[in-house]
Amino acid sequence: MELLPSERLAKAQEIASNPGEYQVCEGCESIVGLGTIVCPNCHSYRFDGDPTRVVDQALLLGSREKRSVTAEDLA
């Protein structure tokens, strides 16, 4: 399910307001939950949990249209 631009921004703001619950995938730069061990999008296992990085990435992703391919897109 693809989010509308306003929904993407709302999700980005939600993530940015609680960055300690998320991490950025070092493989594809997706934002995933803190407990994620393997990225569901690219299968990477390296993550950056720095809150500043999470906030910056959330605001970047929330301000543009979707560009990445997710597992849902391939199903």
PDB file of N, CA and C in Angstrom:
ATOM      1  N   MET A   1       0.839  -1.172   0.000  1.00  0.00           N
ATOM      2  CA  MET A   1       0.000   0.000   0.000  1.00  0.00           C
ATOM      3  C   MET A   1       0.890   1.243   0.000  1.00  0.00           C
ATOM      4  N   GLU A   2       0.771   2.048  -1.017  1.00  0.00           N
ATOM      5  CA  GLU A   2       1.583   3.254  -1.125  1.00  0.00           C
ATOM      6  C   GLU A   2       0.905   4.400  -0.389  1.00  0.00           C
ATOM      7  N   LEU A   3       1.708   5.151   0.351  1.00  0.00           N
ATOM      8  CA  LEU A   3       1.182   6.286   1.100  1.00  0.00           C
ATOM      9  C   LEU A   3       1.102   7.523   0.220  1.00  0.00           C
ATOM     10  N   LEU A   4       0.087   8.319   0.444  1.00  0.00           N
ATOM     11  CA  LEU A   4      -0.036   9.612  -0.219  1.00  0.00           C
ATOM     12  C   LEU A   4       1.047  10.536   0.332  1.00  0.00           C
ATOM     13  N   PRO A   5       1.406  11.591  -0.418  1.00  0.00           N
ATOM     14  CA  PRO A   5       2.435  12.509   0.076  1.00  0.00           C
ATOM     15  C   PRO A   5       2.165  13.037   1.483  1.00  0.00           C
ATOM     16  N   SER A   6       0.929  13.386   1.785  1.00  0.00           N
ATOM     17  CA  SER A   6       0.612  13.897   3.119  1.00  0.00           C
ATOM     18  C   SER A   6       0.771  12.797   4.174  1.00  0.00           C
ATOM     19  N   GLU A   7       0.473  11.554   3.796  1.00  0.00           N
ATOM     20  CA  GLU A   7       0.648  10.433   4.717  1.00  0.00           C
ATOM     21  C   GLU A   7       2.129  10.137   4.942  1.00  0.00           C
ATOM     22  N   ARG A   8       2.928  10.283   3.884  1.00  0.00           N
ATOM     23  CA  ARG A   8       4.379  10.084   4.022  1.00  0.00           C
ATOM     24  C   ARG A   8       4.961  11.123   4.971  1.00  0.00           C
ATOM     25  N   LEU A   9       4.524  12.365   4.842  1.00  0.00           N
ATOM     26  CA  LEU A   9       5.012  13.422   5.717  1.00  0.00           C
ATOM     27  C   LEU A   9       4.573  13.174   7.158  1.00  0.00           C
ATOM     28  N   ALA A  10       3.333  12.743   7.352  1.00  0.00           N
ATOM     29  CA  ALA A  10       2.835  12.450   8.700  1.00  0.00           C
ATOM     30  C   ALA A  10       3.633  11.310   9.329  1.00  0.00           C
ATOM     31  N   LYS A  11       3.933  10.267   8.546  1.00  0.00           N
ATOM     32  CA  LYS A  11       4.732   9.143   9.053  1.00  0.00           C
ATOM     33  C   LYS A  11       6.144   9.608   9.386  1.00  0.00           C
ATOM     34  N   ALA A  12       6.716  10.469   8.544  1.00  0.00           N
ATOM     35  CA  ALA A  12       8.054  11.008   8.798  1.00  0.00           C
ATOM     36  C   ALA A  12       8.072  11.806  10.101  1.00  0.00           C
ATOM     37  N   GLN A  13       7.043  12.583  10.329  1.00  0.00           N
ATOM     38  CA  GLN A  13       6.965  13.375  11.556  1.00  0.00           C
ATOM     39  C   GLN A  13       6.814  12.474  12.777  1.00  0.00           C
ATOM     40  N   GLU A  14       6.061  11.396  12.625  1.00  0.00           N
ATOM     41  CA  GLU A  14       5.903  10.430  13.714  1.00  0.00           C
ATOM     42  C   GLU A  14       7.261   9.806  14.064  1.00  0.00           C
ATOM     43  N   ILE A  15       8.016   9.405  13.043  1.00  0.00           N
ATOM     44  CA  ILE A  15       9.337   8.809  13.255  1.00  0.00           C
ATOM     45  C   ILE A  15      10.283   9.838  13.869  1.00  0.00           C
ATOM     46  N   ALA A  16      10.290  11.058  13.323  1.00  0.00           N
ATOM     47  CA  ALA A  16      11.187  12.105  13.806  1.00  0.00           C
ATOM     48  C   ALA A  16      10.899  12.484  15.254  1.00  0.00           C
ATOM     49  N   SER A  17       9.670  12.321  15.696  1.00  0.00           N
ATOM     50  CA  SER A  17       9.331  12.670  17.073  1.00  0.00           C
ATOM     51  C   SER A  17       9.704  11.561  18.056  1.00  0.00           C
ATOM     52  N   ASN A  18      10.054  10.385  17.544  1.00  0.00           N
ATOM     53  CA  ASN A  18      10.433   9.264  18.400  1.00  0.00           C
ATOM     54  C   ASN A  18      11.548   8.456  17.728  1.00  0.00           C
ATOM     55  N   PRO A  19      12.704   9.069  17.446  1.00  0.00           N
ATOM     56  CA  PRO A  19      13.752   8.392  16.678  1.00  0.00           C
ATOM     57  C   PRO A  19      14.384   7.202  17.385  1.00  0.00           C
ATOM     58  N   GLY A  20      14.259   7.123  18.692  1.00  0.00           N
ATOM     59  CA  GLY A  20      14.833   6.009  19.438  1.00  0.00           C
ATOM     60  C   GLY A  20      14.180   4.673  19.153  1.00  0.00           C
ATOM     61  N   GLU A  21      13.042   4.686  18.487  1.00  0.00           N
ATOM     62  CA  GLU A  21      12.321   3.459  18.156  1.00  0.00           C
ATOM     63  C   GLU A  21      12.642   2.946  16.752  1.00  0.00           C
ATOM     64  N   TYR A  22      13.526   3.659  16.034  1.00  0.00           N
ATOM     65  CA  TYR A  22      13.789   3.325  14.639  1.00  0.00           C
ATOM     66  C   TYR A  22      15.285   3.303  14.352  1.00  0.00           C
ATOM     67  N   GLN A  23      15.630   2.760  13.188  1.00  0.00           N
ATOM     68  CA  GLN A  23      16.999   2.763  12.694  1.00  0.00           C
ATOM     69  C   GLN A  23      16.968   2.846  11.180  1.00  0.00           C
ATOM     70  N   VAL A  24      18.087   3.297  10.596  1.00  0.00           N
ATOM     71  CA  VAL A  24      18.183   3.458   9.151  1.00  0.00           C
ATOM     72  C   VAL A  24      18.999   2.296   8.594  1.00  0.00           C
ATOM     73  N   CYS A  25      18.469   1.628   7.589  1.00  0.00           N
ATOM     74  CA  CYS A  25      19.186   0.531   6.934  1.00  0.00           C
ATOM     75  C   CYS A  25      20.382   1.106   6.183  1.00  0.00           C
ATOM     76  N   GLU A  26      21.542   0.518   6.391  1.00  0.00           N
ATOM     77  CA  GLU A  26      22.746   0.978   5.691  1.00  0.00           C
ATOM     78  C   GLU A  26      22.776   0.487   4.242  1.00  0.00           C
ATOM     79  N   GLY A  27      21.935  -0.486   3.896  1.00  0.00           N
ATOM     80  CA  GLY A  27      21.901  -0.998   2.530  1.00  0.00           C
ATOM     81  C   GLY A  27      21.046  -0.165   1.595  1.00  0.00           C
ATOM     82  N   CYS A  28      19.831   0.161   2.039  1.00  0.00           N
ATOM     83  CA  CYS A  28      18.893   0.856   1.147  1.00  0.00           C
ATOM     84  C   CYS A  28      18.370   2.170   1.714  1.00  0.00           C
ATOM     85  N   GLU A  29      18.788   2.514   2.920  1.00  0.00           N
ATOM     86  CA  GLU A  29      18.402   3.758   3.590  1.00  0.00           C
ATOM     87  C   GLU A  29      16.926   3.830   3.956  1.00  0.00           C
ATOM     88  N   SER A  30      16.270   2.673   4.037  1.00  0.00           N
ATOM     89  CA  SER A  30      14.902   2.627   4.547  1.00  0.00           C
ATOM     90  C   SER A  30      14.944   2.808   6.060  1.00  0.00           C
ATOM     91  N   ILE A  31      13.843   3.218   6.624  1.00  0.00           N
ATOM     92  CA  ILE A  31      13.732   3.317   8.069  1.00  0.00           C
ATOM     93  C   ILE A  31      12.918   2.115   8.542  1.00  0.00           C
ATOM     94  N   VAL A  32      13.468   1.406   9.518  1.00  0.00           N
ATOM     95  CA  VAL A  32      12.825   0.216  10.056  1.00  0.00           C
ATOM     96  C   VAL A  32      12.774   0.322  11.576  1.00  0.00           C
ATOM     97  N   GLY A  33      11.979  -0.528  12.181  1.00  0.00           N
ATOM     98  CA  GLY A  33      11.880  -0.550  13.628  1.00  0.00           C
ATOM     99  C   GLY A  33      13.194  -0.943  14.276  1.00  0.00           C
ATOM    100  N   LEU A  34      13.386  -0.507  15.495  1.00  0.00           N
ATOM    101  CA  LEU A  34      14.623  -0.746  16.215  1.00  0.00           C
ATOM    102  C   LEU A  34      14.935  -2.226  16.366  1.00  0.00           C
ATOM    103  N   GLY A  35      13.930  -3.067  16.490  1.00  0.00           N
ATOM    104  CA  GLY A  35      14.144  -4.494  16.678  1.00  0.00           C
ATOM    105  C   GLY A  35      14.404  -5.279  15.404  1.00  0.00           C
ATOM    106  N   THR A  36      14.415  -4.624  14.264  1.00  0.00           N
ATOM    107  CA  THR A  36      14.625  -5.308  12.993  1.00  0.00           C
ATOM    108  C   THR A  36      16.058  -5.822  12.910  1.00  0.00           C
ATOM    109  N   ILE A  37      16.210  -7.075  12.516  1.00  0.00           N
ATOM    110  CA  ILE A  37      17.532  -7.692  12.402  1.00  0.00           C
ATOM    111  C   ILE A  37      17.974  -7.746  10.949  1.00  0.00           C
ATOM    112  N   VAL A  38      17.019  -8.025  10.051  1.00  0.00           N
ATOM    113  CA  VAL A  38      17.297  -8.070   8.611  1.00  0.00           C
ATOM    114  C   VAL A  38      16.291  -7.161   7.917  1.00  0.00           C
ATOM    115  N   CYS A  39      16.794  -6.254   7.090  1.00  0.00           N
ATOM    116  CA  CYS A  39      15.916  -5.319   6.390  1.00  0.00           C
ATOM    117  C   CYS A  39      14.943  -6.078   5.496  1.00  0.00           C
ATOM    118  N   PRO A  40      13.656  -5.800   5.609  1.00  0.00           N
ATOM    119  CA  PRO A  40      12.677  -6.492   4.769  1.00  0.00           C
ATOM    120  C   PRO A  40      12.744  -6.071   3.299  1.00  0.00           C
ATOM    121  N   ASN A  41      13.388  -4.961   3.009  1.00  0.00           N
ATOM    122  CA  ASN A  41      13.465  -4.470   1.637  1.00  0.00           C
ATOM    123  C   ASN A  41      14.683  -4.985   0.894  1.00  0.00           C
ATOM    124  N   CYS A  42      15.865  -4.908   1.518  1.00  0.00           N
ATOM    125  CA  CYS A  42      17.095  -5.271   0.800  1.00  0.00           C
ATOM    126  C   CYS A  42      17.861  -6.420   1.454  1.00  0.00           C
ATOM    127  N   HIS A  43      17.390  -6.886   2.591  1.00  0.00           N
ATOM    128  CA  HIS A  43      17.983  -8.008   3.321  1.00  0.00           C
ATOM    129  C   HIS A  43      19.344  -7.691   3.928  1.00  0.00           C
ATOM    130  N   SER A  44      19.661  -6.428   4.060  1.00  0.00           N
ATOM    131  CA  SER A  44      20.881  -6.011   4.749  1.00  0.00           C
ATOM    132  C   SER A  44      20.713  -6.262   6.241  1.00  0.00           C
ATOM    133  N   TYR A  45      21.816  -6.342   6.933  1.00  0.00           N
ATOM    134  CA  TYR A  45      21.773  -6.532   8.376  1.00  0.00           C
ATOM    135  C   TYR A  45      22.592  -5.464   9.107  1.00  0.00           C
ATOM    136  N   ARG A  46      22.895  -4.379   8.422  1.00  0.00           N
ATOM    137  CA  ARG A  46      23.633  -3.271   9.029  1.00  0.00           C
ATOM    138  C   ARG A  46      22.720  -2.056   9.127  1.00  0.00           C
ATOM    139  N   PHE A  47      22.665  -1.483  10.329  1.00  0.00           N
ATOM    140  CA  PHE A  47      21.753  -0.383  10.591  1.00  0.00           C
ATOM    141  C   PHE A  47      22.455   0.730  11.364  1.00  0.00           C
ATOM    142  N   ASP A  48      21.961   1.943  11.194  1.00  0.00           N
ATOM    143  CA  ASP A  48      22.442   3.109  11.929  1.00  0.00           C
ATOM    144  C   ASP A  48      21.298   3.584  12.812  1.00  0.00           C
ATOM    145  N   GLY A  49      21.472   3.457  14.107  1.00  0.00           N
ATOM    146  CA  GLY A  49      20.430   3.854  15.047  1.00  0.00           C
ATOM    147  C   GLY A  49      20.627   5.219  15.662  1.00  0.00           C
ATOM    148  N   ASP A  50      21.592   5.996  15.144  1.00  0.00           N
ATOM    149  CA  ASP A  50      21.827   7.338  15.673  1.00  0.00           C
ATOM    150  C   ASP A  50      20.566   8.186  15.486  1.00  0.00           C
ATOM    151  N   PRO A  51      20.028   8.743  16.569  1.00  0.00           N
ATOM    152  CA  PRO A  51      18.775   9.513  16.461  1.00  0.00           C
ATOM    153  C   PRO A  51      18.829  10.651  15.441  1.00  0.00           C
ATOM    154  N   THR A  52      19.958  11.328  15.332  1.00  0.00           N
ATOM    155  CA  THR A  52      20.069  12.412  14.360  1.00  0.00           C
ATOM    156  C   THR A  52      19.946  11.877  12.944  1.00  0.00           C
ATOM    157  N   ARG A  53      20.566  10.747  12.681  1.00  0.00           N
ATOM    158  CA  ARG A  53      20.494  10.114  11.350  1.00  0.00           C
ATOM    159  C   ARG A  53      19.059   9.696  11.044  1.00  0.00           C
ATOM    160  N   VAL A  54      18.378   9.127  12.025  1.00  0.00           N
ATOM    161  CA  VAL A  54      16.992   8.692  11.835  1.00  0.00           C
ATOM    162  C   VAL A  54      16.096   9.883  11.512  1.00  0.00           C
ATOM    163  N   VAL A  55      16.237  10.964  12.259  1.00  0.00           N
ATOM    164  CA  VAL A  55      15.419  12.164  12.027  1.00  0.00           C
ATOM    165  C   VAL A  55      15.702  12.740  10.650  1.00  0.00           C
ATOM    166  N   ASP A  56      16.978  12.890  10.312  1.00  0.00           N
ATOM    167  CA  ASP A  56      17.335  13.446   8.999  1.00  0.00           C
ATOM    168  C   ASP A  56      16.766  12.599   7.862  1.00  0.00           C
ATOM    169  N   GLN A  57      16.898  11.272   7.979  1.00  0.00           N
ATOM    170  CA  GLN A  57      16.406  10.376   6.929  1.00  0.00           C
ATOM    171  C   GLN A  57      14.882  10.407   6.859  1.00  0.00           C
ATOM    172  N   ALA A  58      14.216  10.460   7.996  1.00  0.00           N
ATOM    173  CA  ALA A  58      12.749  10.519   8.011  1.00  0.00           C
ATOM    174  C   ALA A  58      12.261  11.771   7.301  1.00  0.00           C
ATOM    175  N   LEU A  59      12.882  12.899   7.599  1.00  0.00           N
ATOM    176  CA  LEU A  59      12.460  14.150   6.968  1.00  0.00           C
ATOM    177  C   LEU A  59      12.759  14.146   5.471  1.00  0.00           C
ATOM    178  N   LEU A  60      13.876  13.551   5.083  1.00  0.00           N
ATOM    179  CA  LEU A  60      14.200  13.438   3.660  1.00  0.00           C
ATOM    180  C   LEU A  60      13.167  12.574   2.946  1.00  0.00           C
ATOM    181  N   LEU A  61      12.904  11.385   3.489  1.00  0.00           N
ATOM    182  CA  LEU A  61      11.954  10.469   2.845  1.00  0.00           C
ATOM    183  C   LEU A  61      10.538  11.029   2.843  1.00  0.00           C
ATOM    184  N   GLY A  62      10.172  11.741   3.893  1.00  0.00           N
ATOM    185  CA  GLY A  62       8.829  12.302   3.986  1.00  0.00           C
ATOM    186  C   GLY A  62       8.592  13.482   3.064  1.00  0.00           C
ATOM    187  N   SER A  63       9.676  14.074   2.568  1.00  0.00           N
ATOM    188  CA  SER A  63       9.532  15.263   1.734  1.00  0.00           C
ATOM    189  C   SER A  63       9.554  14.966   0.234  1.00  0.00           C
ATOM    190  N   ARG A  64       9.711  13.695  -0.119  1.00  0.00           N
ATOM    191  CA  ARG A  64       9.747  13.346  -1.551  1.00  0.00           C
ATOM    192  C   ARG A  64       8.868  12.129  -1.798  1.00  0.00           C
ATOM    193  N   GLU A  65       8.586  11.868  -3.054  1.00  0.00           N
ATOM    194  CA  GLU A  65       7.763  10.706  -3.364  1.00  0.00           C
ATOM    195  C   GLU A  65       8.592   9.425  -3.232  1.00  0.00           C
ATOM    196  N   LYS A  66       7.900   8.335  -3.086  1.00  0.00           N
ATOM    197  CA  LYS A  66       8.537   7.037  -2.914  1.00  0.00           C
ATOM    198  C   LYS A  66       9.387   6.689  -4.139  1.00  0.00           C
ATOM    199  N   ARG A  67      10.598   6.205  -3.876  1.00  0.00           N
ATOM    200  CA  ARG A  67      11.491   5.777  -4.951  1.00  0.00           C
ATOM    201  C   ARG A  67      11.936   4.333  -4.794  1.00  0.00           C
ATOM    202  N   SER A  68      11.833   3.803  -3.602  1.00  0.00           N
ATOM    203  CA  SER A  68      12.357   2.459  -3.351  1.00  0.00           C
ATOM    204  C   SER A  68      11.329   1.389  -3.665  1.00  0.00           C
ATOM    205  N   VAL A  69      11.833   0.214  -3.937  1.00  0.00           N
ATOM    206  CA  VAL A  69      11.005  -0.963  -4.176  1.00  0.00           C
ATOM    207  C   VAL A  69      10.985  -1.774  -2.889  1.00  0.00           C
ATOM    208  N   THR A  70       9.794  -2.123  -2.442  1.00  0.00           N
ATOM    209  CA  THR A  70       9.660  -2.911  -1.205  1.00  0.00           C
ATOM    210  C   THR A  70       9.227  -4.338  -1.545  1.00  0.00           C
ATOM    211  N   ALA A  71       9.266  -5.201  -0.543  1.00  0.00           N
ATOM    212  CA  ALA A  71       8.839  -6.588  -0.746  1.00  0.00           C
ATOM    213  C   ALA A  71       7.383  -6.651  -1.199  1.00  0.00           C
ATOM    214  N   GLU A  72       6.548  -5.729  -0.718  1.00  0.00           N
ATOM    215  CA  GLU A  72       5.133  -5.683  -1.129  1.00  0.00           C
ATOM    216  C   GLU A  72       5.003  -5.415  -2.620  1.00  0.00           C
ATOM    217  N   ASP A  73       5.893  -4.605  -3.160  1.00  0.00           N
ATOM    218  CA  ASP A  73       5.861  -4.285  -4.589  1.00  0.00           C
ATOM    219  C   ASP A  73       6.153  -5.501  -5.455  1.00  0.00           C
ATOM    220  N   LEU A  74       6.885  -6.445  -4.914  1.00  0.00           N
ATOM    221  CA  LEU A  74       7.304  -7.618  -5.673  1.00  0.00           C
ATOM    222  C   LEU A  74       6.350  -8.787  -5.545  1.00  0.00           C
ATOM    223  N   ALA A  75       5.410  -8.683  -4.623  1.00  0.00           N
ATOM    224  CA  ALA A  75       4.460  -9.793  -4.395  1.00  0.00           C
ATOM    225  C   ALA A  75       3.390  -9.856  -5.447  1.00  0.00           C
TER     226      ALA A  75
END
